[in-house]
Amino acid sequence: MDLTSIGKHIREKRILKSWKQDDLAEKTELSVVYIGMIERGEKMPRLETFIKILNALDSSADEVLEDVLKEGYRIRVSKYAQKLDAMSDNQRDLFFQLIDAL
């Protein structure tokens, strides 16, 4: 299992909230050192700890595990669908033209 991708996603979620490792550590009652080890892929937290981290980050397991799940591509497709919904009709048409050209 690629722990670095899991840690990377946790870090990205934390940064999106403009949190420092200290903030996540405080909200999960974990040490800053341990949060750092998880984010660097050096440690995989126990399930209970993993759930604490996900809840603190308002995230789901599939978002954090997308690179290690066999069905992870479905998660990416879902994210792209959300981005497409946010586009104007003109932007969406240009996007599909680009995809068709590729």
N, C-alpha and C. Protein backbone atom coordinates (compact mmCIF):
# COMPACT_ATOMS: atom_id res chain seq x y z
N MET A 1 0.85 -1.18 0.00
CA MET A 1 0.00 0.00 0.00
C MET A 1 0.90 1.24 0.00
N ASP A 2 0.51 2.20 -0.78
CA ASP A 2 1.30 3.43 -0.91
C ASP A 2 0.89 4.44 0.16
N LEU A 3 1.61 4.40 1.27
CA LEU A 3 1.28 5.30 2.38
C LEU A 3 1.57 6.76 2.04
N THR A 4 2.50 7.00 1.11
CA THR A 4 2.83 8.39 0.79
C THR A 4 1.65 9.10 0.13
N SER A 5 0.89 8.38 -0.70
CA SER A 5 -0.25 9.04 -1.34
C SER A 5 -1.35 9.32 -0.33
N ILE A 6 -1.53 8.44 0.65
CA ILE A 6 -2.52 8.68 1.70
C ILE A 6 -2.12 9.91 2.51
N GLY A 7 -0.87 9.96 2.91
CA GLY A 7 -0.37 11.11 3.66
C GLY A 7 -0.46 12.39 2.86
N LYS A 8 -0.18 12.29 1.57
CA LYS A 8 -0.25 13.47 0.69
C LYS A 8 -1.68 14.03 0.65
N HIS A 9 -2.65 13.14 0.55
CA HIS A 9 -4.05 13.59 0.50
C HIS A 9 -4.48 14.20 1.84
N ILE A 10 -4.03 13.62 2.93
CA ILE A 10 -4.34 14.20 4.24
C ILE A 10 -3.74 15.60 4.33
N ARG A 11 -2.50 15.73 3.89
CA ARG A 11 -1.84 17.04 3.92
C ARG A 11 -2.60 18.05 3.07
N GLU A 12 -3.00 17.64 1.85
CA GLU A 12 -3.73 18.54 0.95
C GLU A 12 -5.04 19.01 1.59
N LYS A 13 -5.76 18.08 2.23
CA LYS A 13 -7.01 18.43 2.89
C LYS A 13 -6.76 19.42 4.03
N ARG A 14 -5.69 19.18 4.77
CA ARG A 14 -5.34 20.07 5.89
C ARG A 14 -5.01 21.47 5.37
N ILE A 15 -4.23 21.55 4.31
CA ILE A 15 -3.83 22.84 3.74
C ILE A 15 -5.04 23.58 3.17
N LEU A 16 -5.99 22.84 2.57
CA LEU A 16 -7.21 23.48 2.06
C LEU A 16 -7.97 24.20 3.17
N LYS A 17 -7.84 23.71 4.38
CA LYS A 17 -8.48 24.36 5.53
C LYS A 17 -7.61 25.45 6.13
N SER A 18 -6.45 25.67 5.52
CA SER A 18 -5.48 26.65 6.03
C SER A 18 -5.01 26.31 7.45
N TRP A 19 -4.89 25.03 7.72
CA TRP A 19 -4.45 24.56 9.01
C TRP A 19 -2.98 24.20 8.98
N LYS A 20 -2.32 24.41 10.09
CA LYS A 20 -0.97 23.90 10.29
C LYS A 20 -1.11 22.50 10.89
N GLN A 21 -0.02 21.77 10.90
CA GLN A 21 -0.06 20.45 11.52
C GLN A 21 -0.51 20.55 12.98
N ASP A 22 -0.12 21.64 13.63
CA ASP A 22 -0.52 21.86 15.03
C ASP A 22 -2.05 21.86 15.17
N ASP A 23 -2.72 22.51 14.21
CA ASP A 23 -4.17 22.61 14.26
C ASP A 23 -4.83 21.24 14.14
N LEU A 24 -4.36 20.45 13.18
CA LEU A 24 -4.91 19.11 13.00
C LEU A 24 -4.60 18.24 14.22
N ALA A 25 -3.40 18.36 14.75
CA ALA A 25 -3.02 17.60 15.93
C ALA A 25 -3.94 17.93 17.11
N GLU A 26 -4.22 19.20 17.28
CA GLU A 26 -5.09 19.63 18.38
C GLU A 26 -6.50 19.09 18.21
N LYS A 27 -7.03 19.17 17.00
CA LYS A 27 -8.41 18.74 16.76
C LYS A 27 -8.57 17.23 16.86
N THR A 28 -7.49 16.48 16.64
CA THR A 28 -7.56 15.02 16.69
C THR A 28 -6.95 14.43 17.96
N GLU A 29 -6.40 15.32 18.79
CA GLU A 29 -5.74 14.89 20.03
C GLU A 29 -4.56 13.95 19.74
N LEU A 30 -3.84 14.26 18.67
CA LEU A 30 -2.64 13.51 18.28
C LEU A 30 -1.44 14.45 18.37
N SER A 31 -0.26 13.91 18.35
CA SER A 31 0.92 14.76 18.41
C SER A 31 1.25 15.31 17.02
N VAL A 32 1.88 16.45 16.99
CA VAL A 32 2.32 17.06 15.73
C VAL A 32 3.31 16.13 15.04
N VAL A 33 4.17 15.50 15.80
CA VAL A 33 5.15 14.57 15.24
C VAL A 33 4.44 13.43 14.52
N TYR A 34 3.40 12.89 15.15
CA TYR A 34 2.66 11.78 14.55
C TYR A 34 1.93 12.22 13.28
N ILE A 35 1.32 13.39 13.30
CA ILE A 35 0.66 13.93 12.10
C ILE A 35 1.69 14.05 10.97
N GLY A 36 2.86 14.56 11.27
CA GLY A 36 3.92 14.69 10.28
C GLY A 36 4.32 13.34 9.70
N MET A 37 4.43 12.34 10.57
CA MET A 37 4.80 10.99 10.10
C MET A 37 3.73 10.41 9.17
N ILE A 38 2.47 10.66 9.49
CA ILE A 38 1.38 10.19 8.63
C ILE A 38 1.45 10.90 7.29
N GLU A 39 1.62 12.21 7.31
CA GLU A 39 1.65 12.99 6.07
C GLU A 39 2.84 12.62 5.19
N ARG A 40 3.94 12.21 5.79
CA ARG A 40 5.12 11.79 5.01
C ARG A 40 5.05 10.33 4.57
N GLY A 41 4.01 9.62 5.01
CA GLY A 41 3.86 8.22 4.64
C GLY A 41 4.71 7.27 5.46
N GLU A 42 5.19 7.75 6.59
CA GLU A 42 6.02 6.90 7.45
C GLU A 42 5.18 6.03 8.37
N LYS A 43 3.96 6.45 8.66
CA LYS A 43 3.06 5.71 9.53
C LYS A 43 1.67 5.66 8.92
N MET A 44 0.98 4.55 9.15
CA MET A 44 -0.43 4.42 8.80
C MET A 44 -1.21 4.36 10.10
N PRO A 45 -2.11 5.30 10.33
CA PRO A 45 -2.83 5.31 11.61
C PRO A 45 -3.78 4.12 11.73
N ARG A 46 -4.08 3.76 12.98
CA ARG A 46 -5.11 2.77 13.24
C ARG A 46 -6.43 3.30 12.70
N LEU A 47 -7.38 2.42 12.49
CA LEU A 47 -8.67 2.82 11.93
C LEU A 47 -9.33 3.92 12.75
N GLU A 48 -9.35 3.77 14.04
CA GLU A 48 -9.98 4.78 14.90
C GLU A 48 -9.32 6.15 14.71
N THR A 49 -8.00 6.18 14.62
CA THR A 49 -7.26 7.43 14.44
C THR A 49 -7.52 7.99 13.05
N PHE A 50 -7.55 7.12 12.05
CA PHE A 50 -7.83 7.53 10.68
C PHE A 50 -9.19 8.22 10.60
N ILE A 51 -10.18 7.65 11.26
CA ILE A 51 -11.52 8.22 11.28
C ILE A 51 -11.52 9.58 11.97
N LYS A 52 -10.78 9.73 13.06
CA LYS A 52 -10.66 11.02 13.73
C LYS A 52 -10.11 12.08 12.77
N ILE A 53 -9.07 11.69 12.03
CA ILE A 53 -8.44 12.63 11.08
C ILE A 53 -9.44 13.01 9.99
N LEU A 54 -10.12 12.01 9.42
CA LEU A 54 -11.10 12.29 8.36
C LEU A 54 -12.22 13.19 8.86
N ASN A 55 -12.72 12.92 10.05
CA ASN A 55 -13.79 13.76 10.60
C ASN A 55 -13.32 15.18 10.85
N ALA A 56 -12.11 15.33 11.35
CA ALA A 56 -11.58 16.67 11.60
C ALA A 56 -11.43 17.44 10.28
N LEU A 57 -11.08 16.74 9.21
CA LEU A 57 -10.86 17.38 7.92
C LEU A 57 -12.14 17.48 7.09
N ASP A 58 -13.26 16.99 7.64
CA ASP A 58 -14.53 16.95 6.87
C ASP A 58 -14.31 16.26 5.54
N SER A 59 -13.64 15.12 5.59
CA SER A 59 -13.28 14.39 4.38
C SER A 59 -13.81 12.97 4.46
N SER A 60 -13.81 12.30 3.32
CA SER A 60 -14.23 10.90 3.30
C SER A 60 -13.03 10.01 3.01
N ALA A 61 -13.14 8.76 3.39
CA ALA A 61 -12.04 7.82 3.19
C ALA A 61 -11.73 7.65 1.70
N ASP A 62 -12.75 7.63 0.86
CA ASP A 62 -12.48 7.43 -0.56
C ASP A 62 -11.68 8.58 -1.16
N GLU A 63 -11.84 9.78 -0.66
CA GLU A 63 -11.04 10.90 -1.15
C GLU A 63 -9.57 10.74 -0.78
N VAL A 64 -9.32 10.27 0.42
CA VAL A 64 -7.95 10.13 0.91
C VAL A 64 -7.29 8.87 0.34
N LEU A 65 -8.10 7.84 0.10
CA LEU A 65 -7.57 6.55 -0.36
C LEU A 65 -7.66 6.37 -1.88
N GLU A 66 -8.04 7.40 -2.61
CA GLU A 66 -8.32 7.23 -4.03
C GLU A 66 -7.17 6.63 -4.84
N ASP A 67 -5.93 6.89 -4.47
CA ASP A 67 -4.80 6.36 -5.23
C ASP A 67 -4.50 4.90 -4.91
N VAL A 68 -5.05 4.39 -3.82
CA VAL A 68 -4.77 3.00 -3.45
C VAL A 68 -5.97 2.08 -3.64
N LEU A 69 -7.13 2.64 -3.95
CA LEU A 69 -8.31 1.83 -4.19
C LEU A 69 -8.37 1.41 -5.65
N LYS A 70 -8.79 0.19 -5.90
CA LYS A 70 -8.92 -0.29 -7.28
C LYS A 70 -9.94 0.53 -8.05
N GLU A 71 -10.92 1.03 -7.37
CA GLU A 71 -11.98 1.82 -8.00
C GLU A 71 -11.72 3.33 -7.86
N GLY A 72 -10.49 3.70 -7.56
CA GLY A 72 -10.15 5.10 -7.32
C GLY A 72 -10.46 6.03 -8.48
N TYR A 73 -10.42 5.48 -9.70
CA TYR A 73 -10.71 6.32 -10.86
C TYR A 73 -12.14 6.85 -10.83
N ARG A 74 -13.04 6.12 -10.20
CA ARG A 74 -14.44 6.58 -10.09
C ARG A 74 -14.53 7.85 -9.25
N ILE A 75 -13.67 7.95 -8.27
CA ILE A 75 -13.64 9.13 -7.42
C ILE A 75 -13.18 10.33 -8.23
N ARG A 76 -12.15 10.12 -9.05
CA ARG A 76 -11.66 11.21 -9.90
C ARG A 76 -12.73 11.65 -10.89
N VAL A 77 -13.44 10.69 -11.48
CA VAL A 77 -14.51 11.01 -12.42
C VAL A 77 -15.57 11.85 -11.73
N SER A 78 -15.90 11.50 -10.50
CA SER A 78 -16.89 12.25 -9.74
C SER A 78 -16.44 13.69 -9.51
N LYS A 79 -15.14 13.87 -9.19
CA LYS A 79 -14.61 15.22 -8.99
C LYS A 79 -14.67 16.02 -10.29
N TYR A 80 -14.35 15.37 -11.40
CA TYR A 80 -14.42 16.07 -12.69
C TYR A 80 -15.86 16.44 -13.04
N ALA A 81 -16.79 15.58 -12.70
CA ALA A 81 -18.20 15.88 -12.95
C ALA A 81 -18.63 17.13 -12.18
N GLN A 82 -18.16 17.26 -10.94
CA GLN A 82 -18.48 18.45 -10.15
C GLN A 82 -17.90 19.70 -10.79
N LYS A 83 -16.67 19.59 -11.31
CA LYS A 83 -16.05 20.74 -11.97
C LYS A 83 -16.80 21.10 -13.24
N LEU A 84 -17.25 20.08 -13.99
CA LEU A 84 -18.01 20.34 -15.21
C LEU A 84 -19.32 21.05 -14.89
N ASP A 85 -19.96 20.65 -13.81
CA ASP A 85 -21.22 21.30 -13.41
C ASP A 85 -21.02 22.78 -13.12
N ALA A 86 -19.85 23.14 -12.62
CA ALA A 86 -19.57 24.53 -12.27
C ALA A 86 -19.21 25.38 -13.48
N MET A 87 -18.94 24.76 -14.61
CA MET A 87 -18.54 25.50 -15.82
C MET A 87 -19.75 26.11 -16.52
N SER A 88 -19.48 27.17 -17.27
CA SER A 88 -20.53 27.74 -18.12
C SER A 88 -20.72 26.80 -19.32
N ASP A 89 -21.80 26.98 -20.04
CA ASP A 89 -22.06 26.14 -21.22
C ASP A 89 -20.91 26.27 -22.23
N ASN A 90 -20.42 27.48 -22.41
CA ASN A 90 -19.34 27.72 -23.36
C ASN A 90 -18.06 26.99 -22.92
N GLN A 91 -17.72 27.10 -21.65
CA GLN A 91 -16.53 26.43 -21.13
C GLN A 91 -16.66 24.91 -21.27
N ARG A 92 -17.86 24.41 -21.00
CA ARG A 92 -18.10 22.97 -21.11
C ARG A 92 -17.94 22.50 -22.55
N ASP A 93 -18.46 23.28 -23.50
CA ASP A 93 -18.32 22.92 -24.92
C ASP A 93 -16.85 22.89 -25.32
N LEU A 94 -16.09 23.88 -24.89
CA LEU A 94 -14.66 23.91 -25.19
C LEU A 94 -13.92 22.72 -24.58
N PHE A 95 -14.31 22.38 -23.37
CA PHE A 95 -13.70 21.24 -22.69
C PHE A 95 -13.94 19.96 -23.49
N PHE A 96 -15.17 19.73 -23.92
CA PHE A 96 -15.48 18.52 -24.66
C PHE A 96 -14.81 18.49 -26.03
N GLN A 97 -14.66 19.65 -26.64
CA GLN A 97 -13.93 19.71 -27.91
C GLN A 97 -12.48 19.30 -27.70
N LEU A 98 -11.89 19.77 -26.62
CA LEU A 98 -10.51 19.41 -26.31
C LEU A 98 -10.38 17.90 -26.06
N ILE A 99 -11.28 17.35 -25.27
CA ILE A 99 -11.25 15.91 -24.98
C ILE A 99 -11.43 15.10 -26.28
N ASP A 100 -12.37 15.51 -27.13
CA ASP A 100 -12.57 14.81 -28.40
C ASP A 100 -11.34 14.86 -29.28
N ALA A 101 -10.64 15.99 -29.24
CA ALA A 101 -9.41 16.14 -30.06
C ALA A 101 -8.30 15.21 -29.57
N LEU A 102 -8.26 14.98 -28.26
CA LEU A 102 -7.25 14.08 -27.71
C LEU A 102 -7.57 12.65 -28.04
